[in-house]
Amino acid sequence: MRCGTIRVLSFKVALALMSMANLDEKYRYLFSLISDRDGCVNEQRLGALLYECVLIPRNLGETGQFGNEDFNQYVKTCFQQVCDQTLSIGNMISFNQ
């Protein structure tokens, strides 16, 4: 019998990623999990979200199928594009298209 805990953020991210919602809805929901009251995120929070997203394939033994897990470059590029210390949902969606 296993005993342990799971972080609430991990659970919510996993459910969102496995849901049948369209990609835009998933982006918006995941962003809302990490955004501040102004609707923005910083590099640290975006990195934490991406880490949670990588945990699913890692725990299923599929890490090699999804390439390099180093998402720090993605985070840096995303923030360099907006030339700011925070990122809005609109910025993130346009960056991913």
N, C-alpha and C. Protein backbone atom coordinates (compact mmCIF):
# COMPACT_ATOMS: atom_id res chain seq x y z
N MET A 1 0.84 -1.18 0.00
CA MET A 1 0.00 0.00 0.00
C MET A 1 0.89 1.24 0.00
N ARG A 2 0.57 2.18 -0.85
CA ARG A 2 1.34 3.42 -0.93
C ARG A 2 0.72 4.49 -0.05
N CYS A 3 1.58 5.25 0.57
CA CYS A 3 1.14 6.40 1.34
C CYS A 3 1.97 7.59 0.87
N GLY A 4 1.36 8.70 0.72
CA GLY A 4 2.10 9.87 0.28
C GLY A 4 1.18 11.03 0.02
N THR A 5 1.75 12.01 -0.58
CA THR A 5 0.99 13.22 -0.89
C THR A 5 1.24 13.61 -2.34
N ILE A 6 0.36 14.42 -2.84
CA ILE A 6 0.53 15.02 -4.15
C ILE A 6 0.20 16.49 -4.01
N ARG A 7 1.00 17.33 -4.64
CA ARG A 7 0.75 18.77 -4.57
C ARG A 7 -0.54 19.10 -5.32
N VAL A 8 -1.26 20.05 -4.79
CA VAL A 8 -2.51 20.47 -5.43
C VAL A 8 -2.24 20.96 -6.84
N LEU A 9 -1.18 21.74 -7.03
CA LEU A 9 -0.85 22.23 -8.37
C LEU A 9 -0.59 21.06 -9.32
N SER A 10 0.14 20.06 -8.88
CA SER A 10 0.42 18.89 -9.72
C SER A 10 -0.88 18.20 -10.14
N PHE A 11 -1.79 18.05 -9.20
CA PHE A 11 -3.07 17.39 -9.48
C PHE A 11 -3.89 18.20 -10.48
N LYS A 12 -3.98 19.49 -10.28
CA LYS A 12 -4.76 20.35 -11.18
C LYS A 12 -4.16 20.38 -12.57
N VAL A 13 -2.84 20.45 -12.67
CA VAL A 13 -2.17 20.46 -13.97
C VAL A 13 -2.42 19.15 -14.70
N ALA A 14 -2.28 18.04 -14.00
CA ALA A 14 -2.51 16.73 -14.63
C ALA A 14 -3.94 16.61 -15.15
N LEU A 15 -4.92 17.01 -14.36
CA LEU A 15 -6.31 16.94 -14.80
C LEU A 15 -6.55 17.84 -16.01
N ALA A 16 -5.99 19.03 -15.98
CA ALA A 16 -6.18 19.96 -17.10
C ALA A 16 -5.56 19.42 -18.38
N LEU A 17 -4.36 18.88 -18.28
CA LEU A 17 -3.68 18.37 -19.47
C LEU A 17 -4.38 17.15 -20.06
N MET A 18 -5.02 16.36 -19.23
CA MET A 18 -5.71 15.16 -19.71
C MET A 18 -7.16 15.42 -20.10
N SER A 19 -7.64 16.63 -19.87
CA SER A 19 -9.04 16.94 -20.19
C SER A 19 -9.23 17.07 -21.70
N MET A 20 -10.48 17.10 -22.10
CA MET A 20 -10.81 17.22 -23.52
C MET A 20 -10.99 18.68 -23.94
N ALA A 21 -10.62 19.61 -23.11
CA ALA A 21 -10.74 21.03 -23.46
C ALA A 21 -9.82 21.35 -24.63
N ASN A 22 -10.15 22.41 -25.37
CA ASN A 22 -9.26 22.78 -26.47
C ASN A 22 -7.99 23.44 -25.90
N LEU A 23 -7.00 23.58 -26.74
CA LEU A 23 -5.69 24.04 -26.29
C LEU A 23 -5.74 25.43 -25.68
N ASP A 24 -6.52 26.33 -26.27
CA ASP A 24 -6.63 27.69 -25.75
C ASP A 24 -7.21 27.69 -24.33
N GLU A 25 -8.23 26.88 -24.11
CA GLU A 25 -8.83 26.78 -22.76
C GLU A 25 -7.83 26.22 -21.75
N LYS A 26 -7.06 25.23 -22.19
CA LYS A 26 -6.04 24.66 -21.30
C LYS A 26 -4.99 25.71 -20.94
N TYR A 27 -4.52 26.46 -21.94
CA TYR A 27 -3.54 27.52 -21.67
C TYR A 27 -4.09 28.50 -20.63
N ARG A 28 -5.31 28.93 -20.85
CA ARG A 28 -5.91 29.92 -19.95
C ARG A 28 -6.08 29.37 -18.53
N TYR A 29 -6.52 28.14 -18.41
CA TYR A 29 -6.69 27.56 -17.08
C TYR A 29 -5.34 27.38 -16.38
N LEU A 30 -4.38 26.81 -17.08
CA LEU A 30 -3.06 26.59 -16.47
C LEU A 30 -2.43 27.91 -16.07
N PHE A 31 -2.60 28.92 -16.91
CA PHE A 31 -2.06 30.24 -16.59
C PHE A 31 -2.72 30.80 -15.34
N SER A 32 -4.02 30.59 -15.21
CA SER A 32 -4.74 31.10 -14.03
C SER A 32 -4.25 30.45 -12.73
N LEU A 33 -3.73 29.25 -12.82
CA LEU A 33 -3.21 28.57 -11.63
C LEU A 33 -1.97 29.24 -11.06
N ILE A 34 -1.20 29.91 -11.92
CA ILE A 34 0.08 30.47 -11.48
C ILE A 34 0.12 31.99 -11.51
N SER A 35 -0.92 32.62 -12.04
CA SER A 35 -0.87 34.08 -12.18
C SER A 35 -1.17 34.79 -10.86
N ASP A 36 -0.69 36.02 -10.77
CA ASP A 36 -0.95 36.83 -9.58
C ASP A 36 -2.30 37.53 -9.74
N ARG A 37 -2.63 38.40 -8.81
CA ARG A 37 -3.95 39.06 -8.87
C ARG A 37 -4.08 40.02 -10.05
N ASP A 38 -2.94 40.40 -10.65
CA ASP A 38 -2.97 41.26 -11.83
C ASP A 38 -3.06 40.45 -13.13
N GLY A 39 -3.08 39.13 -13.02
CA GLY A 39 -3.16 38.27 -14.19
C GLY A 39 -1.84 38.10 -14.91
N CYS A 40 -0.75 38.22 -14.19
CA CYS A 40 0.59 38.10 -14.78
C CYS A 40 1.40 37.04 -14.03
N VAL A 41 2.42 36.52 -14.71
CA VAL A 41 3.34 35.58 -14.07
C VAL A 41 4.78 36.05 -14.27
N ASN A 42 5.66 35.60 -13.39
CA ASN A 42 7.08 35.88 -13.55
C ASN A 42 7.77 34.61 -14.06
N GLU A 43 9.08 34.72 -14.29
CA GLU A 43 9.83 33.59 -14.83
C GLU A 43 9.77 32.38 -13.91
N GLN A 44 9.86 32.60 -12.63
CA GLN A 44 9.87 31.50 -11.67
C GLN A 44 8.56 30.72 -11.71
N ARG A 45 7.45 31.42 -11.76
CA ARG A 45 6.14 30.75 -11.78
C ARG A 45 5.92 29.99 -13.09
N LEU A 46 6.32 30.59 -14.21
CA LEU A 46 6.17 29.90 -15.49
C LEU A 46 7.05 28.66 -15.51
N GLY A 47 8.26 28.77 -15.00
CA GLY A 47 9.15 27.61 -14.91
C GLY A 47 8.55 26.51 -14.05
N ALA A 48 7.91 26.88 -12.95
CA ALA A 48 7.28 25.90 -12.07
C ALA A 48 6.13 25.19 -12.78
N LEU A 49 5.35 25.93 -13.56
CA LEU A 49 4.25 25.32 -14.31
C LEU A 49 4.78 24.34 -15.34
N LEU A 50 5.81 24.74 -16.07
CA LEU A 50 6.37 23.84 -17.08
C LEU A 50 6.96 22.59 -16.45
N TYR A 51 7.56 22.75 -15.28
CA TYR A 51 8.08 21.59 -14.56
C TYR A 51 6.95 20.62 -14.23
N GLU A 52 5.83 21.14 -13.78
CA GLU A 52 4.68 20.28 -13.47
C GLU A 52 4.18 19.57 -14.72
N CYS A 53 4.21 20.25 -15.86
CA CYS A 53 3.76 19.64 -17.12
C CYS A 53 4.68 18.50 -17.55
N VAL A 54 5.96 18.61 -17.26
CA VAL A 54 6.93 17.60 -17.64
C VAL A 54 6.84 16.36 -16.74
N LEU A 55 6.29 16.52 -15.55
CA LEU A 55 6.21 15.39 -14.62
C LEU A 55 5.36 14.24 -15.14
N ILE A 56 4.33 14.53 -15.91
CA ILE A 56 3.44 13.47 -16.40
C ILE A 56 4.20 12.50 -17.30
N PRO A 57 4.81 12.96 -18.39
CA PRO A 57 5.55 11.99 -19.22
C PRO A 57 6.73 11.36 -18.48
N ARG A 58 7.36 12.11 -17.59
CA ARG A 58 8.48 11.56 -16.83
C ARG A 58 8.01 10.38 -15.97
N ASN A 59 6.89 10.55 -15.28
CA ASN A 59 6.38 9.48 -14.42
C ASN A 59 5.82 8.30 -15.20
N LEU A 60 5.51 8.51 -16.46
CA LEU A 60 5.04 7.41 -17.31
C LEU A 60 6.17 6.76 -18.09
N GLY A 61 7.39 7.22 -17.86
CA GLY A 61 8.54 6.66 -18.55
C GLY A 61 8.65 7.09 -20.00
N GLU A 62 8.06 8.20 -20.36
CA GLU A 62 8.04 8.69 -21.74
C GLU A 62 8.89 9.92 -21.94
N THR A 63 9.83 10.16 -21.06
CA THR A 63 10.63 11.38 -21.13
C THR A 63 11.34 11.51 -22.46
N GLY A 64 11.92 10.43 -22.95
CA GLY A 64 12.67 10.47 -24.21
C GLY A 64 11.82 10.84 -25.40
N GLN A 65 10.53 10.57 -25.34
CA GLN A 65 9.64 10.87 -26.45
C GLN A 65 9.36 12.35 -26.60
N PHE A 66 9.60 13.11 -25.56
CA PHE A 66 9.23 14.52 -25.58
C PHE A 66 10.44 15.44 -25.63
N GLY A 67 11.60 14.89 -25.90
CA GLY A 67 12.78 15.72 -26.07
C GLY A 67 13.36 16.21 -24.77
N ASN A 68 14.13 17.27 -24.88
CA ASN A 68 14.86 17.82 -23.75
C ASN A 68 13.91 18.46 -22.76
N GLU A 69 14.13 18.18 -21.50
CA GLU A 69 13.28 18.74 -20.45
C GLU A 69 13.75 20.12 -20.00
N ASP A 70 14.80 20.62 -20.60
CA ASP A 70 15.31 21.92 -20.18
C ASP A 70 14.44 23.01 -20.80
N PHE A 71 13.48 23.49 -20.05
CA PHE A 71 12.56 24.50 -20.55
C PHE A 71 12.99 25.90 -20.15
N ASN A 72 14.16 26.02 -19.53
CA ASN A 72 14.64 27.35 -19.14
C ASN A 72 14.81 28.26 -20.35
N GLN A 73 15.27 27.71 -21.47
CA GLN A 73 15.43 28.52 -22.68
C GLN A 73 14.08 29.02 -23.18
N TYR A 74 13.06 28.17 -23.10
CA TYR A 74 11.71 28.58 -23.50
C TYR A 74 11.25 29.76 -22.65
N VAL A 75 11.45 29.65 -21.34
CA VAL A 75 11.02 30.71 -20.41
C VAL A 75 11.78 31.99 -20.71
N LYS A 76 13.09 31.92 -20.89
CA LYS A 76 13.89 33.11 -21.18
C LYS A 76 13.46 33.76 -22.48
N THR A 77 13.26 32.96 -23.52
CA THR A 77 12.85 33.50 -24.82
C THR A 77 11.49 34.16 -24.73
N CYS A 78 10.58 33.55 -24.01
CA CYS A 78 9.24 34.09 -23.84
C CYS A 78 9.29 35.47 -23.19
N PHE A 79 10.08 35.62 -22.14
CA PHE A 79 10.17 36.89 -21.44
C PHE A 79 10.99 37.92 -22.23
N GLN A 80 11.97 37.48 -23.01
CA GLN A 80 12.73 38.41 -23.84
C GLN A 80 11.84 39.01 -24.92
N GLN A 81 10.92 38.22 -25.43
CA GLN A 81 10.02 38.71 -26.48
C GLN A 81 9.13 39.84 -25.98
N VAL A 82 8.69 39.77 -24.73
CA VAL A 82 7.81 40.82 -24.21
C VAL A 82 8.58 41.95 -23.55
N CYS A 83 9.88 41.76 -23.36
CA CYS A 83 10.74 42.80 -22.76
C CYS A 83 10.19 43.30 -21.43
N ASP A 84 9.78 42.38 -20.59
CA ASP A 84 9.21 42.74 -19.30
C ASP A 84 9.53 41.65 -18.29
N GLN A 85 9.30 41.94 -17.02
CA GLN A 85 9.56 40.95 -15.97
C GLN A 85 8.33 40.10 -15.66
N THR A 86 7.19 40.47 -16.23
CA THR A 86 5.98 39.67 -16.07
C THR A 86 5.38 39.39 -17.44
N LEU A 87 4.55 38.38 -17.47
CA LEU A 87 3.97 37.91 -18.72
C LEU A 87 2.46 37.77 -18.53
N SER A 88 1.69 38.26 -19.50
CA SER A 88 0.23 38.12 -19.43
C SER A 88 -0.19 36.89 -20.23
N ILE A 89 -1.43 36.50 -20.07
CA ILE A 89 -1.94 35.35 -20.80
C ILE A 89 -1.91 35.60 -22.30
N GLY A 90 -2.20 36.82 -22.71
CA GLY A 90 -2.16 37.15 -24.14
C GLY A 90 -0.77 36.99 -24.71
N ASN A 91 0.24 37.43 -23.95
CA ASN A 91 1.63 37.27 -24.39
C ASN A 91 1.97 35.80 -24.56
N MET A 92 1.57 34.99 -23.60
CA MET A 92 1.92 33.57 -23.64
C MET A 92 1.22 32.86 -24.80
N ILE A 93 -0.03 33.16 -25.02
CA ILE A 93 -0.76 32.52 -26.11
C ILE A 93 -0.17 32.93 -27.46
N SER A 94 0.13 34.20 -27.64
CA SER A 94 0.72 34.63 -28.91
C SER A 94 2.11 34.03 -29.11
N PHE A 95 2.86 33.84 -28.04
CA PHE A 95 4.19 33.24 -28.14
C PHE A 95 4.09 31.78 -28.56
N ASN A 96 3.06 31.08 -28.13
CA ASN A 96 2.91 29.66 -28.44
C ASN A 96 2.31 29.39 -29.81
N GLN A 97 1.82 30.39 -30.49
CA GLN A 97 1.19 30.17 -31.80
C GLN A 97 2.20 30.21 -32.90
